[in-house]
Amino acid sequence: MSRVFLALVIVIFHLVCATSGQITMHVISDVPDKPIGHLQVHCKSGDDDLKMRTLNDGGEFNWTFYDNIRQTTLFFCHFYWGSKDRVFDVFNRKIDHFCSPGNDNYDCYWVARVDGFYISRNKKEWTKMYDWM
């Protein structure tokens, strides 16, 4: 009986690993560095603190992760640009459909612009999601 249980656990593990792809989040600055200053971004999840990053105009910050087995992974970022700031989820299952599923991998692109924040699956077609506060 224990061999059957072990075999079942191994099969389930392989199925879970095969269906949960790698996700790469890209955060891009498209705001001018002058006169206001560089874009600053601080991203976190419940498990990971990715620390404050400073992006030049055109700069990119990215990270890779796997969604948890319950598909409840959430990453949020706090954006600062001069006196403006905004906090929002950059990844959760409600946003997932904006990302590009590839060969078991996903890419999500966020860009901060003067008029707000946009998401894309391919860096060609952008959907505005948020304004600056």
Protein backbone atom coordinates (compact mmCIF):
# COMPACT_ATOMS: atom_id res chain seq x y z
CA MET A 1 0.00 0.00 0.00
CA SER A 2 2.80 2.46 0.78
CA ARG A 3 4.35 1.90 -2.66
CA VAL A 4 1.04 2.75 -4.32
CA PHE A 5 0.76 5.90 -2.21
CA LEU A 6 4.33 6.92 -3.04
CA ALA A 7 3.74 6.31 -6.75
CA LEU A 8 0.56 8.41 -6.59
CA VAL A 9 2.42 11.27 -4.88
CA ILE A 10 5.13 11.17 -7.55
CA VAL A 11 2.56 11.24 -10.37
CA ILE A 12 0.69 14.16 -8.79
CA PHE A 13 3.95 16.04 -8.25
CA HIS A 14 4.89 15.65 -11.93
CA LEU A 15 1.44 16.77 -13.06
CA VAL A 16 1.61 19.87 -10.89
CA CYS A 17 5.09 20.75 -12.11
CA ALA A 18 4.08 20.20 -15.71
CA THR A 19 1.11 22.55 -15.49
CA SER A 20 2.64 25.40 -13.50
CA GLY A 21 4.78 27.48 -15.79
CA GLN A 22 7.43 30.00 -15.01
CA ILE A 23 6.21 33.59 -14.86
CA THR A 24 8.47 36.55 -15.64
CA MET A 25 7.33 40.00 -14.59
CA HIS A 26 8.82 43.02 -16.36
CA VAL A 27 8.51 46.55 -14.97
CA ILE A 28 9.59 49.26 -17.42
CA SER A 29 10.08 52.99 -16.91
CA ASP A 30 8.77 55.27 -19.64
CA VAL A 31 8.85 58.46 -17.57
CA PRO A 32 11.45 61.20 -18.05
CA ASP A 33 14.23 61.37 -15.48
CA LYS A 34 14.20 65.18 -15.53
CA PRO A 35 12.95 67.39 -14.01
CA ILE A 36 11.05 65.11 -11.58
CA GLY A 37 13.54 62.28 -11.09
CA HIS A 38 13.89 58.57 -11.67
CA LEU A 39 11.08 56.06 -11.23
CA GLN A 40 11.40 54.07 -8.02
CA VAL A 41 9.69 50.71 -7.62
CA HIS A 42 9.34 48.48 -4.55
CA CYS A 43 7.76 45.08 -5.27
CA LYS A 44 6.74 42.36 -2.79
CA SER A 45 4.78 39.18 -2.35
CA GLY A 46 3.83 37.38 0.84
CA ASP A 47 7.15 35.51 0.63
CA ASP A 48 9.52 37.81 -1.24
CA ASP A 49 10.64 41.41 -0.80
CA LEU A 50 12.35 42.49 -4.02
CA LYS A 51 13.64 45.74 -2.45
CA MET A 52 13.47 49.28 -3.82
CA ARG A 53 14.72 49.65 -7.40
CA THR A 54 15.53 52.88 -9.22
CA LEU A 55 14.87 52.83 -12.97
CA ASN A 56 16.16 55.31 -15.52
CA ASP A 57 13.88 56.27 -18.40
CA GLY A 58 13.78 53.14 -20.56
CA GLY A 59 15.11 50.97 -17.73
CA GLU A 60 13.63 47.60 -16.82
CA PHE A 61 13.43 45.48 -13.68
CA ASN A 62 12.29 41.87 -13.96
CA TRP A 63 11.97 38.76 -11.84
CA THR A 64 10.85 35.18 -12.34
CA PHE A 65 8.68 32.99 -10.14
CA TYR A 66 6.28 30.04 -10.18
CA ASP A 67 2.67 30.32 -9.12
CA ASN A 68 1.85 28.29 -6.02
CA ILE A 69 -0.21 25.11 -6.31
CA ARG A 70 -3.44 26.91 -5.31
CA GLN A 71 -2.73 29.64 -7.89
CA THR A 72 -2.99 32.37 -5.26
CA THR A 73 0.39 34.01 -5.81
CA LEU A 74 0.20 37.78 -5.56
CA PHE A 75 2.87 40.38 -6.24
CA PHE A 76 2.25 44.07 -5.71
CA CYS A 77 4.45 47.09 -6.37
CA HIS A 78 4.64 50.60 -4.95
CA PHE A 79 5.69 53.09 -7.63
CA TYR A 80 7.17 56.51 -6.83
CA TRP A 81 7.90 59.29 -9.31
CA GLY A 82 8.55 62.71 -7.83
CA SER A 83 5.53 63.57 -5.68
CA LYS A 84 3.37 60.93 -7.40
CA ASP A 85 2.93 57.38 -6.19
CA ARG A 86 0.69 54.36 -6.72
CA VAL A 87 0.38 50.84 -5.27
CA PHE A 88 -1.32 47.95 -7.06
CA ASP A 89 -1.12 44.23 -7.78
CA VAL A 90 1.15 43.50 -10.71
CA PHE A 91 0.31 39.80 -10.61
CA ASN A 92 -2.66 37.82 -9.39
CA ARG A 93 -5.08 35.45 -11.10
CA LYS A 94 -7.38 38.32 -12.14
CA ILE A 95 -4.51 39.94 -14.06
CA ASP A 96 -3.16 36.65 -15.40
CA HIS A 97 -5.17 36.84 -18.67
CA PHE A 98 -3.19 39.94 -19.68
CA CYS A 99 0.00 37.88 -19.62
CA SER A 100 1.34 35.89 -22.52
CA PRO A 101 1.35 32.12 -22.09
CA GLY A 102 4.22 30.62 -24.03
CA ASN A 103 5.89 27.25 -23.77
CA ASP A 104 4.90 26.72 -20.14
CA ASN A 105 6.17 30.24 -19.46
CA TYR A 106 4.36 33.53 -19.00
CA ASP A 107 5.56 37.08 -19.53
CA CYS A 108 3.81 40.13 -18.07
CA TYR A 109 4.97 43.60 -19.00
CA TRP A 110 4.10 46.70 -16.99
CA VAL A 111 5.14 50.16 -18.10
CA ALA A 112 4.94 53.36 -16.06
CA ARG A 113 4.17 56.37 -18.24
CA VAL A 114 3.48 60.02 -17.49
CA ASP A 115 -0.29 59.40 -17.67
CA GLY A 116 -0.39 56.07 -15.79
CA PHE A 117 0.32 52.34 -15.88
CA TYR A 118 -0.14 49.92 -18.75
CA ILE A 119 0.06 46.13 -19.08
CA SER A 120 0.97 44.04 -22.11
CA ARG A 121 1.61 40.46 -23.09
CA ASN A 122 3.91 41.32 -25.98
CA LYS A 123 5.21 44.92 -25.53
CA LYS A 124 3.22 45.94 -28.64
CA GLU A 125 -0.39 46.18 -27.49
CA TRP A 126 -0.84 48.03 -24.18
CA THR A 127 -3.92 48.29 -21.94
CA LYS A 128 -4.12 51.16 -19.49
CA MET A 129 -4.92 49.86 -16.01
CA TYR A 130 -4.24 52.69 -13.55
CA ASP A 131 -3.61 56.41 -13.23
CA TRP A 132 -1.07 57.96 -10.91
CA MET A 133 -2.56 59.05 -7.58
